[in-house]
C-alpha atoms as a PDB file:
ATOM      1  CA  MET A   1     -53.844  56.059  30.399  1.00  0.00           C
ATOM      2  CA  SER A   2     -54.703  56.125  34.113  1.00  0.00           C
ATOM      3  CA  ASP A   3     -56.332  59.363  35.352  1.00  0.00           C
ATOM      4  CA  GLY A   4     -55.557  58.491  39.032  1.00  0.00           C
ATOM      5  CA  GLY A   5     -59.220  58.987  40.193  1.00  0.00           C
ATOM      6  CA  GLY A   6     -61.598  56.720  42.071  1.00  0.00           C
ATOM      7  CA  GLU A   7     -61.741  52.950  41.876  1.00  0.00           C
ATOM      8  CA  GLU A   8     -60.851  53.074  38.185  1.00  0.00           C
ATOM      9  CA  GLY A   9     -57.435  54.482  38.887  1.00  0.00           C
ATOM     10  CA  GLY A  10     -55.672  51.239  37.910  1.00  0.00           C
ATOM     11  CA  VAL A  11     -57.541  50.738  34.607  1.00  0.00           C
ATOM     12  CA  SER A  12     -56.479  52.101  31.235  1.00  0.00           C
ATOM     13  CA  SER A  13     -58.684  54.769  29.739  1.00  0.00           C
ATOM     14  CA  THR A  14     -59.200  52.662  26.726  1.00  0.00           C
ATOM     15  CA  ALA A  15     -60.649  49.878  28.834  1.00  0.00           C
ATOM     16  CA  ARG A  16     -63.012  52.050  30.967  1.00  0.00           C
ATOM     17  CA  PRO A  17     -66.715  51.052  30.422  1.00  0.00           C
ATOM     18  CA  ARG A  18     -68.989  53.646  28.870  1.00  0.00           C
ATOM     19  CA  SER A  19     -72.444  54.501  30.056  1.00  0.00           C
ATOM     20  CA  GLU A  20     -75.181  52.090  29.074  1.00  0.00           C
ATOM     21  CA  GLY A  21     -78.022  53.095  26.887  1.00  0.00           C
ATOM     22  CA  PRO A  22     -79.274  52.654  23.422  1.00  0.00           C
ATOM     23  CA  GLU A  23     -75.836  53.242  22.158  1.00  0.00           C
ATOM     24  CA  GLY A  24     -74.181  50.755  24.624  1.00  0.00           C
ATOM     25  CA  GLY A  25     -73.638  48.040  21.981  1.00  0.00           C
ATOM     26  CA  SER A  26     -71.691  50.322  19.684  1.00  0.00           C
ATOM     27  CA  GLY A  27     -69.728  51.614  22.643  1.00  0.00           C
ATOM     28  CA  ILE A  28     -68.566  48.120  23.523  1.00  0.00           C
ATOM     29  CA  LEU A  29     -67.467  47.534  19.924  1.00  0.00           C
ATOM     30  CA  GLU A  30     -65.553  50.764  20.006  1.00  0.00           C
ATOM     31  CA  GLU A  31     -63.817  49.607  23.196  1.00  0.00           C
ATOM     32  CA  PHE A  32     -62.753  46.331  21.502  1.00  0.00           C
ATOM     33  CA  ASP A  33     -61.421  48.246  18.541  1.00  0.00           C
ATOM     34  CA  LEU A  34     -59.362  50.356  20.869  1.00  0.00           C
ATOM     35  CA  LEU A  35     -58.083  47.296  22.647  1.00  0.00           C
ATOM     36  CA  HIS A  36     -57.139  45.715  19.304  1.00  0.00           C
ATOM     37  CA  ILE A  37     -55.229  48.828  18.362  1.00  0.00           C
ATOM     38  CA  ASP A  38     -53.390  48.790  21.688  1.00  0.00           C
ATOM     39  CA  LEU A  39     -52.451  45.102  21.436  1.00  0.00           C
ATOM     40  CA  GLN A  40     -51.110  45.242  17.872  1.00  0.00           C
ATOM     41  CA  PRO A  41     -47.847  47.027  18.835  1.00  0.00           C
ATOM     42  CA  GLU A  42     -47.277  44.349  21.471  1.00  0.00           C
ATOM     43  CA  ALA A  43     -47.620  41.545  18.884  1.00  0.00           C
ATOM     44  CA  GLN A  44     -45.128  43.381  16.623  1.00  0.00           C
ATOM     45  CA  SER A  45     -42.760  44.370  19.363  1.00  0.00           C
ATOM     46  CA  PRO A  46     -39.074  44.871  18.470  1.00  0.00           C
ATOM     47  CA  GLY A  47     -38.101  41.793  20.410  1.00  0.00           C
ATOM     48  CA  THR A  48     -40.377  39.512  18.418  1.00  0.00           C
ATOM     49  CA  GLU A  49     -39.273  40.995  15.142  1.00  0.00           C
ATOM     50  CA  GLY A  50     -35.611  40.471  16.058  1.00  0.00           C
ATOM     51  CA  ALA A  51     -36.267  36.856  17.017  1.00  0.00           C
ATOM     52  CA  SER A  52     -37.919  36.199  13.634  1.00  0.00           C
ATOM     53  CA  SER A  53     -35.051  37.834  11.853  1.00  0.00           C
ATOM     54  CA  GLY A  54     -32.527  35.828  13.921  1.00  0.00           C
ATOM     55  CA  CYS A  55     -34.196  32.561  12.962  1.00  0.00           C
ATOM     56  CA  SER A  56     -33.958  33.369   9.311  1.00  0.00           C
ATOM     57  CA  LYS A  57     -30.230  34.151   9.610  1.00  0.00           C
ATOM     58  CA  ASN A  58     -29.665  30.826  11.373  1.00  0.00           C
ATOM     59  CA  VAL A  59     -31.436  28.964   8.596  1.00  0.00           C
ATOM     60  CA  LEU A  60     -29.405  30.771   5.973  1.00  0.00           C
ATOM     61  CA  ARG A  61     -26.179  30.053   7.804  1.00  0.00           C
ATOM     62  CA  LYS A  62     -26.987  26.344   8.040  1.00  0.00           C
ATOM     63  CA  GLN A  63     -27.857  26.274   4.349  1.00  0.00           C
ATOM     64  CA  LYS A  64     -24.556  27.953   3.421  1.00  0.00           C
ATOM     65  CA  ASN A  65     -22.638  25.473   5.601  1.00  0.00           C
ATOM     66  CA  TRP A  66     -24.435  22.562   3.968  1.00  0.00           C
ATOM     67  CA  GLU A  67     -23.587  23.881   0.530  1.00  0.00           C
ATOM     68  CA  LYS A  68     -19.931  24.284   1.472  1.00  0.00           C
ATOM     69  CA  THR A  69     -19.855  20.701   2.833  1.00  0.00           C
ATOM     70  CA  LEU A  70     -21.502  19.363  -0.312  1.00  0.00           C
ATOM     71  CA  ALA A  71     -19.022  21.254  -2.499  1.00  0.00           C
ATOM     72  CA  ALA A  72     -16.075  19.908  -0.466  1.00  0.00           C
ATOM     73  CA  LYS A  73     -17.386  16.344  -0.830  1.00  0.00           C
ATOM     74  CA  LYS A  74     -17.700  16.757  -4.598  1.00  0.00           C
ATOM     75  CA  GLY A  75     -14.171  18.111  -4.741  1.00  0.00           C
ATOM     76  CA  ARG A  76     -12.774  15.181  -2.730  1.00  0.00           C
ATOM     77  CA  ARG A  77     -14.594  12.690  -4.992  1.00  0.00           C
ATOM     78  CA  LYS A  78     -13.175  14.387  -8.066  1.00  0.00           C
ATOM     79  CA  GLU A  79      -9.655  14.308  -6.609  1.00  0.00           C
ATOM     80  CA  GLU A  80     -10.005  10.635  -5.677  1.00  0.00           C
ATOM     81  CA  LYS A  81     -11.192   9.738  -9.186  1.00  0.00           C
ATOM     82  CA  GLN A  82      -8.153  11.574 -10.598  1.00  0.00           C
ATOM     83  CA  ARG A  83      -5.785   9.773  -8.216  1.00  0.00           C
ATOM     84  CA  LYS A  84      -7.377   6.450  -9.119  1.00  0.00           C
ATOM     85  CA  LYS A  85      -6.979   7.229 -12.803  1.00  0.00           C
ATOM     86  CA  LEU A  86      -3.330   8.049 -12.284  1.00  0.00           C
ATOM     87  CA  ARG A  87      -2.764   4.860 -10.276  1.00  0.00           C
ATOM     88  CA  GLN A  88      -4.339   2.756 -12.988  1.00  0.00           C
ATOM     89  CA  ALA A  89      -2.212   4.508 -15.620  1.00  0.00           C
ATOM     90  CA  GLU A  90       0.949   3.808 -13.584  1.00  0.00           C
ATOM     91  CA  GLU A  91       0.042   0.176 -13.159  1.00  0.00           C
ATOM     92  CA  SER A  92      -0.745  -0.351 -16.788  1.00  0.00           C
ATOM     93  CA  GLY A  93       2.198   1.741 -18.019  1.00  0.00           C
ATOM     94  CA  SER A  94      -0.024   4.010 -20.124  1.00  0.00           C
ATOM     95  CA  ALA A  95      -0.576   7.763 -20.101  1.00  0.00           C
ATOM     96  CA  PRO A  96      -3.339   9.101 -17.824  1.00  0.00           C
ATOM     97  CA  ASP A  97      -5.243  10.611 -20.792  1.00  0.00           C
ATOM     98  CA  SER A  98      -5.010   7.522 -22.935  1.00  0.00           C
ATOM     99  CA  PRO A  99      -8.283   5.732 -23.867  1.00  0.00           C
ATOM    100  CA  ARG A 100      -9.529   3.361 -21.183  1.00  0.00           C
ATOM    101  CA  HIS A 101      -9.663  -0.300 -22.140  1.00  0.00           C
ATOM    102  CA  SER A 102     -12.611  -2.512 -21.448  1.00  0.00           C
ATOM    103  CA  LYS A 103     -12.397  -5.010 -18.594  1.00  0.00           C
ATOM    104  CA  ARG A 104     -11.867  -7.823 -21.053  1.00  0.00           C
ATOM    105  CA  VAL A 105      -8.902  -6.088 -22.680  1.00  0.00           C
ATOM    106  CA  VAL A 106      -7.364  -5.156 -19.303  1.00  0.00           C
ATOM    107  CA  LYS A 107      -7.744  -8.754 -18.156  1.00  0.00           C
ATOM    108  CA  ALA A 108      -6.077 -10.005 -21.302  1.00  0.00           C
ATOM    109  CA  ILE A 109      -3.193  -7.511 -20.929  1.00  0.00           C
ATOM    110  CA  THR A 110      -2.708  -8.514 -17.284  1.00  0.00           C
ATOM    111  CA  ARG A 111      -2.662 -12.191 -18.185  1.00  0.00           C
ATOM    112  CA  GLU A 112      -0.040 -11.645 -20.870  1.00  0.00           C
ATOM    113  CA  ARG A 113       2.085  -9.722 -18.436  1.00  0.00           C
ATOM    114  CA  LEU A 114       1.911 -12.501 -15.872  1.00  0.00           C
ATOM    115  CA  LEU A 115       2.633 -15.160 -18.467  1.00  0.00           C
ATOM    116  CA  GLY A 116       5.596 -13.137 -19.635  1.00  0.00           C
ATOM    117  CA  ALA A 117       7.068 -13.255 -16.154  1.00  0.00           C
ATOM    118  CA  ALA A 118       7.483 -17.024 -16.543  1.00  0.00           C
ATOM    119  CA  ASP A 119       9.920 -16.489 -19.431  1.00  0.00           C
ATOM    120  CA  GLY A 120      12.219 -14.093 -17.620  1.00  0.00           C
ATOM    121  CA  GLY A 121      12.619 -12.402 -14.257  1.00  0.00           C
ATOM    122  CA  PRO A 122      12.630 -13.672 -10.697  1.00  0.00           C
ATOM    123  CA  ARG A 123      10.429 -16.426  -9.403  1.00  0.00           C
ATOM    124  CA  LEU A 124       8.737 -16.772  -6.040  1.00  0.00           C
ATOM    125  CA  CYS A 125       7.450 -19.972  -4.489  1.00  0.00           C
ATOM    126  CA  VAL A 126       5.252 -20.337  -1.418  1.00  0.00           C
ATOM    127  CA  ASP A 127       6.247 -23.501   0.490  1.00  0.00           C
ATOM    128  CA  LEU A 128       3.046 -25.087   1.766  1.00  0.00           C
ATOM    129  CA  SER A 129       4.590 -28.185   3.294  1.00  0.00           C
ATOM    130  CA  MET A 130       3.874 -27.049   6.863  1.00  0.00           C
ATOM    131  CA  THR A 131       0.143 -26.682   6.660  1.00  0.00           C
ATOM    132  CA  GLY A 132      -0.508 -30.040   8.290  1.00  0.00           C
ATOM    133  CA  CYS A 133       0.108 -28.625  11.749  1.00  0.00           C
ATOM    134  CA  MET A 134      -2.120 -25.569  11.245  1.00  0.00           C
ATOM    135  CA  SER A 135      -5.664 -25.028  12.585  1.00  0.00           C
ATOM    136  CA  HIS A 136      -8.621 -24.255  10.377  1.00  0.00           C
ATOM    137  CA  LYS A 137      -8.475 -20.621  11.440  1.00  0.00           C
ATOM    138  CA  GLU A 138      -4.769 -20.433  10.516  1.00  0.00           C
ATOM    139  CA  LEU A 139      -5.411 -22.109   7.158  1.00  0.00           C
ATOM    140  CA  SER A 140      -8.199 -19.592   6.414  1.00  0.00           C
ATOM    141  CA  ARG A 141      -5.844 -16.713   7.189  1.00  0.00           C
ATOM    142  CA  LEU A 142      -3.174 -18.263   4.964  1.00  0.00           C
ATOM    143  CA  ALA A 143      -5.670 -18.512   2.128  1.00  0.00           C
ATOM    144  CA  GLY A 144      -6.406 -14.799   2.508  1.00  0.00           C
ATOM    145  CA  GLN A 145      -2.689 -13.970   2.381  1.00  0.00           C
ATOM    146  CA  ILE A 146      -2.324 -15.972  -0.814  1.00  0.00           C
ATOM    147  CA  ARG A 147      -5.212 -13.969  -2.327  1.00  0.00           C
ATOM    148  CA  ARG A 148      -3.594 -10.657  -1.407  1.00  0.00           C
ATOM    149  CA  LEU A 149      -0.188 -11.840  -2.648  1.00  0.00           C
ATOM    150  CA  TYR A 150      -1.601 -12.780  -6.018  1.00  0.00           C
ATOM    151  CA  GLY A 151      -3.552  -9.526  -6.201  1.00  0.00           C
ATOM    152  CA  SER A 152      -0.332  -7.528  -5.664  1.00  0.00           C
ATOM    153  CA  ASN A 153       1.399  -9.502  -8.422  1.00  0.00           C
ATOM    154  CA  ARG A 154      -1.467  -8.881 -10.882  1.00  0.00           C
ATOM    155  CA  ARG A 155      -1.173  -5.096 -10.324  1.00  0.00           C
ATOM    156  CA  ALA A 156       2.624  -5.052 -10.540  1.00  0.00           C
ATOM    157  CA  ALA A 157       4.251  -3.510 -13.602  1.00  0.00           C
ATOM    158  CA  ARG A 158       7.066  -6.064 -13.229  1.00  0.00           C
ATOM    159  CA  PRO A 159       5.520  -9.191 -11.696  1.00  0.00           C
ATOM    160  CA  PHE A 160       7.144 -12.317 -10.401  1.00  0.00           C
ATOM    161  CA  HIS A 161       6.248 -15.816 -11.639  1.00  0.00           C
ATOM    162  CA  LEU A 162       4.525 -17.522  -8.741  1.00  0.00           C
ATOM    163  CA  TYR A 163       4.359 -21.111  -7.526  1.00  0.00           C
ATOM    164  CA  LEU A 164       2.364 -22.813  -4.784  1.00  0.00           C
ATOM    165  CA  ALA A 165       4.369 -25.896  -3.831  1.00  0.00           C
ATOM    166  CA  GLU A 166       2.959 -28.973  -2.058  1.00  0.00           C
ATOM    167  CA  LEU A 167      -0.687 -27.929  -2.386  1.00  0.00           C
ATOM    168  CA  ARG A 168      -2.935 -30.883  -2.980  1.00  0.00           C
ATOM    169  CA  ALA A 169      -6.333 -30.477  -4.572  1.00  0.00           C
ATOM    170  CA  ASP A 170      -7.933 -32.575  -1.815  1.00  0.00           C
ATOM    171  CA  SER A 171      -6.400 -30.559   1.033  1.00  0.00           C
ATOM    172  CA  GLN A 172      -8.262 -28.309   3.392  1.00  0.00           C
ATOM    173  CA  LEU A 173      -6.086 -25.319   2.393  1.00  0.00           C
ATOM    174  CA  TYR A 174      -7.002 -25.824  -1.282  1.00  0.00           C
ATOM    175  CA  ARG A 175     -10.700 -25.826  -0.372  1.00  0.00           C
ATOM    176  CA  GLU A 176     -10.187 -22.660   1.653  1.00  0.00           C
ATOM    177  CA  CYS A 177      -8.444 -21.003  -1.281  1.00  0.00           C
ATOM    178  CA  VAL A 178     -11.298 -21.853  -3.603  1.00  0.00           C
ATOM    179  CA  ARG A 179     -13.854 -20.666  -1.024  1.00  0.00           C
ATOM    180  CA  LYS A 180     -12.155 -17.331  -0.220  1.00  0.00           C
ATOM    181  CA  ASN A 181     -10.506 -16.516  -3.539  1.00  0.00           C
ATOM    182  CA  ALA A 182     -12.861 -15.939  -6.508  1.00  0.00           C
ATOM    183  CA  GLY A 183     -11.422 -17.561  -9.624  1.00  0.00           C
ATOM    184  CA  PHE A 184      -8.613 -19.327  -7.741  1.00  0.00           C
ATOM    185  CA  GLU A 185      -8.505 -22.180 -10.266  1.00  0.00           C
ATOM    186  CA  ASN A 186      -7.750 -19.606 -13.010  1.00  0.00           C
ATOM    187  CA  TYR A 187      -4.887 -17.864 -11.181  1.00  0.00           C
ATOM    188  CA  VAL A 188      -1.854 -17.362 -13.464  1.00  0.00           C
ATOM    189  CA  MET A 189       0.546 -19.294 -11.310  1.00  0.00           C
ATOM    190  CA  ASP A 190       1.865 -22.840 -10.985  1.00  0.00           C
ATOM    191  CA  VAL A 191       0.028 -24.907  -8.395  1.00  0.00           C
ATOM    192  CA  THR A 192       1.673 -28.239  -7.796  1.00  0.00           C
ATOM    193  CA  GLU A 193       1.928 -31.069  -5.290  1.00  0.00           C
ATOM    194  CA  ARG A 194       5.690 -31.242  -5.751  1.00  0.00           C
ATOM    195  CA  SER A 195       8.118 -29.813  -3.292  1.00  0.00           C
ATOM    196  CA  CYS A 196      10.439 -26.827  -3.814  1.00  0.00           C
ATOM    197  CA  LEU A 197      13.442 -29.105  -4.276  1.00  0.00           C
ATOM    198  CA  GLN A 198      11.581 -31.165  -6.872  1.00  0.00           C
ATOM    199  CA  LEU A 199      10.798 -27.978  -8.763  1.00  0.00           C
ATOM    200  CA  PHE A 200      14.130 -26.117  -8.627  1.00  0.00           C
ATOM    201  CA  PRO A 201      17.864 -26.892  -8.388  1.00  0.00           C
ATOM    202  CA  ARG A 202      19.110 -26.476  -4.840  1.00  0.00           C
ATOM    203  CA  GLU A 203      21.721 -23.897  -5.795  1.00  0.00           C
ATOM    204  CA  SER A 204      19.113 -21.556  -7.286  1.00  0.00           C
ATOM    205  CA  VAL A 205      16.903 -21.452  -4.172  1.00  0.00           C
ATOM    206  CA  VAL A 206      16.995 -18.736  -1.483  1.00  0.00           C
ATOM    207  CA  TYR A 207      14.675 -19.402   1.488  1.00  0.00           C
ATOM    208  CA  LEU A 208      13.509 -16.076   3.029  1.00  0.00           C
ATOM    209  CA  THR A 209      13.215 -16.323   6.845  1.00  0.00           C
ATOM    210  CA  PRO A 210      13.509 -13.664   9.531  1.00  0.00           C
ATOM    211  CA  ASP A 211      15.928 -15.876  11.492  1.00  0.00           C
ATOM    212  CA  SER A 212      18.593 -16.036   8.801  1.00  0.00           C
ATOM    213  CA  GLU A 213      22.048 -14.592   9.478  1.00  0.00           C
ATOM    214  CA  ASP A 214      22.405 -13.469   5.874  1.00  0.00           C
ATOM    215  CA  VAL A 215      20.906 -10.245   4.532  1.00  0.00           C
ATOM    216  CA  LEU A 216      19.035 -10.048   1.278  1.00  0.00           C
ATOM    217  CA  GLU A 217      20.920  -7.403  -0.619  1.00  0.00           C
ATOM    218  CA  HIS A 218      19.285  -7.548  -4.045  1.00  0.00           C
ATOM    219  CA  VAL A 219      16.666  -9.455  -6.037  1.00  0.00           C
ATOM    220  CA  ASP A 220      18.468 -11.758  -8.478  1.00  0.00           C
ATOM    221  CA  PRO A 221      16.360 -12.710 -11.522  1.00  0.00           C
ATOM    222  CA  GLU A 222      18.270 -16.059 -11.713  1.00  0.00           C
ATOM    223  CA  LYS A 223      17.150 -17.072  -8.205  1.00  0.00           C
ATOM    224  CA  VAL A 224      13.998 -18.609  -6.830  1.00  0.00           C
ATOM    225  CA  TYR A 225      12.819 -17.036  -3.577  1.00  0.00           C
ATOM    226  CA  ILE A 226      10.906 -19.255  -1.177  1.00  0.00           C
ATOM    227  CA  LEU A 227       8.409 -17.990   1.376  1.00  0.00           C
ATOM    228  CA  GLY A 228       7.268 -20.320   4.129  1.00  0.00           C
ATOM    229  CA  GLY A 229       3.483 -20.576   3.954  1.00  0.00           C
ATOM    230  CA  LEU A 230       2.953 -20.642   7.730  1.00  0.00           C
ATOM    231  CA  VAL A 231       0.452 -18.910   9.957  1.00  0.00           C
ATOM    232  CA  ASP A 232       1.424 -19.914  13.525  1.00  0.00           C
ATOM    233  CA  GLU A 233      -0.557 -18.295  16.308  1.00  0.00           C
ATOM    234  CA  SER A 234       1.422 -20.241  18.867  1.00  0.00           C
ATOM    235  CA  VAL A 235       4.505 -18.322  17.689  1.00  0.00           C
ATOM    236  CA  GLN A 236       6.940 -21.189  17.450  1.00  0.00           C
ATOM    237  CA  LYS A 237      10.312 -19.730  16.602  1.00  0.00           C
ATOM    238  CA  LYS A 238      12.611 -20.532  13.723  1.00  0.00           C
ATOM    239  CA  LEU A 239      10.352 -23.103  12.029  1.00  0.00           C
ATOM    240  CA  THR A 240      11.044 -21.907   8.511  1.00  0.00           C
ATOM    241  CA  TYR A 241      14.768 -21.429   9.241  1.00  0.00           C
ATOM    242  CA  GLN A 242      15.116 -24.933  10.641  1.00  0.00           C
ATOM    243  CA  LYS A 243      13.283 -26.400   7.626  1.00  0.00           C
ATOM    244  CA  ALA A 244      15.576 -24.564   5.214  1.00  0.00           C
ATOM    245  CA  ARG A 245      18.685 -25.676   7.066  1.00  0.00           C
ATOM    246  CA  GLN A 246      17.532 -29.290   7.145  1.00  0.00           C
ATOM    247  CA  SER A 247      17.060 -29.074   3.390  1.00  0.00           C
ATOM    248  CA  GLN A 248      20.509 -27.472   2.991  1.00  0.00           C
ATOM    249  CA  LEU A 249      19.082 -24.356   1.332  1.00  0.00           C
ATOM    250  CA  SER A 250      20.544 -20.905   1.289  1.00  0.00           C
ATOM    251  CA  THR A 251      18.666 -18.471   3.491  1.00  0.00           C
ATOM    252  CA  ALA A 252      18.267 -14.685   3.687  1.00  0.00           C
ATOM    253  CA  ARG A 253      16.302 -12.139   5.617  1.00  0.00           C
ATOM    254  CA  LEU A 254      14.950  -8.735   4.720  1.00  0.00           C
ATOM    255  CA  PRO A 255      17.305  -5.918   5.795  1.00  0.00           C
ATOM    256  CA  ILE A 256      15.018  -4.616   8.524  1.00  0.00           C
ATOM    257  CA  ASP A 257      17.870  -4.279  11.045  1.00  0.00           C
ATOM    258  CA  GLU A 258      19.967  -2.425   8.513  1.00  0.00           C
ATOM    259  CA  TYR A 259      17.344   0.155   7.513  1.00  0.00           C
ATOM    260  CA  MET A 260      14.818   0.355  10.338  1.00  0.00           C
ATOM    261  CA  VAL A 261      14.781   1.247  13.996  1.00  0.00           C
ATOM    262  CA  LYS A 262      12.426   0.442  16.811  1.00  0.00           C
ATOM    263  CA  LYS A 263       9.701   2.953  17.529  1.00  0.00           C
ATOM    264  CA  ASP A 264       8.311   3.507  21.019  1.00  0.00           C
ATOM    265  CA  ASN A 265       4.687   2.392  21.388  1.00  0.00           C
ATOM    266  CA  ASP A 266       2.182   1.858  24.197  1.00  0.00           C
ATOM    267  CA  LYS A 267       2.503  -1.921  24.126  1.00  0.00           C
ATOM    268  CA  ASN A 268       6.336  -1.864  23.707  1.00  0.00           C
ATOM    269  CA  PHE A 269       5.768  -4.369  20.866  1.00  0.00           C
ATOM    270  CA  HIS A 270       8.350  -4.944  18.155  1.00  0.00           C
ATOM    271  CA  SER A 271       8.208  -7.791  15.644  1.00  0.00           C
ATOM    272  CA  LYS A 272       9.963  -8.622  12.370  1.00  0.00           C
ATOM    273  CA  ILE A 273       7.546 -11.484  11.573  1.00  0.00           C
ATOM    274  CA  LEU A 274       5.589 -10.568   8.451  1.00  0.00           C
ATOM    275  CA  ALA A 275       2.817 -12.258   6.498  1.00  0.00           C
ATOM    276  CA  ILE A 276       3.822 -13.724   3.125  1.00  0.00           C
ATOM    277  CA  ASN A 277       1.910 -11.044   1.225  1.00  0.00           C
ATOM    278  CA  GLN A 278       3.683  -8.297   3.193  1.00  0.00           C
ATOM    279  CA  VAL A 279       7.109  -9.769   2.412  1.00  0.00           C
ATOM    280  CA  PHE A 280       6.105 -10.071  -1.234  1.00  0.00           C
ATOM    281  CA  ASP A 281       4.935  -6.478  -1.399  1.00  0.00           C
ATOM    282  CA  ILE A 282       8.353  -5.366  -0.096  1.00  0.00           C
ATOM    283  CA  LEU A 283      10.098  -7.412  -2.777  1.00  0.00           C
ATOM    284  CA  LEU A 284       7.893  -5.914  -5.465  1.00  0.00           C
ATOM    285  CA  ARG A 285       8.501  -2.375  -4.269  1.00  0.00           C
ATOM    286  CA  PHE A 286      12.288  -2.932  -4.078  1.00  0.00           C
ATOM    287  CA  ARG A 287      12.300  -4.398  -7.613  1.00  0.00           C
ATOM    288  CA  GLU A 288      10.479  -1.311  -8.870  1.00  0.00           C
ATOM    289  CA  THR A 289      12.474   1.328  -6.977  1.00  0.00           C
ATOM    290  CA  GLY A 290      15.820  -0.281  -6.121  1.00  0.00           C
ATOM    291  CA  SER A 291      15.442   1.275  -2.652  1.00  0.00           C
ATOM    292  CA  TRP A 292      15.209  -0.842   0.494  1.00  0.00           C
ATOM    293  CA  SER A 293      14.274   2.154   2.558  1.00  0.00           C
ATOM    294  CA  ALA A 294      11.329   2.967   0.314  1.00  0.00           C
ATOM    295  CA  ALA A 295      10.265  -0.711   0.084  1.00  0.00           C
ATOM    296  CA  LEU A 296      10.436  -1.300   3.853  1.00  0.00           C
ATOM    297  CA  GLN A 297       8.718   1.957   4.667  1.00  0.00           C
ATOM    298  CA  ALA A 298       5.843   1.044   2.424  1.00  0.00           C
ATOM    299  CA  GLY A 299       5.666  -2.663   3.279  1.00  0.00           C
ATOM    300  CA  VAL A 300       6.266  -2.988   7.033  1.00  0.00           C
ATOM    301  CA  PRO A 301       2.967  -2.245   8.885  1.00  0.00           C
ATOM    302  CA  PRO A 302       3.245   0.458  11.605  1.00  0.00           C
ATOM    303  CA  GLY A 303       1.926  -2.007  14.132  1.00  0.00           C
ATOM    304  CA  LYS A 304       5.166  -3.996  13.937  1.00  0.00           C
ATOM    305  CA  GLY A 305       6.907  -1.237  15.892  1.00  0.00           C
ATOM    306  CA  TYR A 306       9.621  -0.396  13.307  1.00  0.00           C
ATOM    307  CA  VAL A 307      10.167   2.703  11.199  1.00  0.00           C
ATOM    308  CA  VAL A 308      12.866   3.496   8.610  1.00  0.00           C
ATOM    309  CA  ALA A 309      15.800   5.285  10.205  1.00  0.00           C
ATOM    310  CA  PRO A 310      15.491   9.049   9.605  1.00  0.00           C
ATOM    311  CA  GLU A 311      18.843   9.328   7.853  1.00  0.00           C
ATOM    312  CA  LEU A 312      17.768   6.594   5.396  1.00  0.00           C
ATOM    313  CA  ARG A 313      14.355   7.924   4.381  1.00  0.00           C
ATOM    314  CA  ALA A 314      15.588   9.749   1.281  1.00  0.00           C
ATOM    315  CA  PRO A 315      14.672   7.685  -1.835  1.00  0.00           C
ATOM    316  CA  CYS A 316      17.533   5.930  -3.600  1.00  0.00           C
ATOM    317  CA  PRO A 317      18.076   6.157  -7.360  1.00  0.00           C
ATOM    318  CA  LEU A 318      16.127   3.671  -9.479  1.00  0.00           C
ATOM    319  CA  GLN A 319      18.178   0.544 -10.175  1.00  0.00           C
ATOM    320  CA  GLU A 320      17.682  -2.524 -12.214  1.00  0.00           C
ATOM    321  CA  ASP A 321      17.454  -6.066 -10.864  1.00  0.00           C
ATOM    322  CA  GLY A 322      20.691  -7.107  -9.299  1.00  0.00           C
ATOM    323  CA  ALA A 323      21.993  -3.570  -8.945  1.00  0.00           C
ATOM    324  CA  GLY A 324      20.215  -2.526  -5.744  1.00  0.00           C
ATOM    325  CA  GLN A 325      22.881  -3.317  -3.213  1.00  0.00           C
ATOM    326  CA  GLY A 326      22.125  -2.885   0.481  1.00  0.00           C
ATOM    327  CA  PRO A 327      24.676  -2.408   3.204  1.00  0.00           C
ATOM    328  CA  ALA A 328      26.585  -5.360   4.535  1.00  0.00           C
ATOM    329  CA  SER A 329      24.985  -7.240   7.341  1.00  0.00           C
ATOM    330  CA  ARG A 330      25.691  -5.889  10.808  1.00  0.00           C
ATOM    331  CA  ALA A 331      24.128  -8.902  12.559  1.00  0.00           C
END
């Protein structure tokens, strides 16, 4: 350390030059050794050691967090697989632990179930007589709705028998259906150029339209329910209702007013106009549960601005076809 004397007062004693002479070389080496010894504690100062230790802890913490995230993802995947297995079991009517069938067997079982719907149970027909006034974009959207409608029927435990009325093989809609729907030609449904009235007795037909004054109270297996195959971006009102009235057909609407209330939203938008696949999903759910509140809650998209009334959200008891009675129309 400093001895406080002369011009060397500010220099460490370990760094003070020694006298030169024959032994000067070894003296310089000794000085470097002393310098090395003095510098070592600085290189291994407590601050540096703490920083190194802190870095290791940070790496370990990140590794633990990554392992937790990976474990959580594996758990979610396992839960999703289990939910998927349960859904498939519910749709097929088998137990969750029963042996899984091959795709060919499942396809055969589904086909038999759809063909069985033609022998008994309700029928649903999509009226495609209004496609002549639709744009290519609207026809493409309608083809997509038909695909989703058929997909829902395939998965249903109690399917409807489906008809596509007034669909010509040379029409633009037919080409769109073939283009957008894989295997459309093999769909288990009746595709015909005949009209609804040529297919069914007038008294058995119920045309479903949101403008009807009559409320659909139950799904009657003896009736044929007609959905107007219309995608109209210009929003012309009452087209399907007017067509049904001109044909002197009975009409009905879903009981949205009886079971649902308007919900406030940023756009103040409320609409009871649904796509054909959405209406069909509601009919399927009602047929399975006997509950309009459950069916509407599951089938009406939130974007329509309607929710099931709080006092009606409790599920109703399961009822067979024709037994699920809704409240009388308040329209």
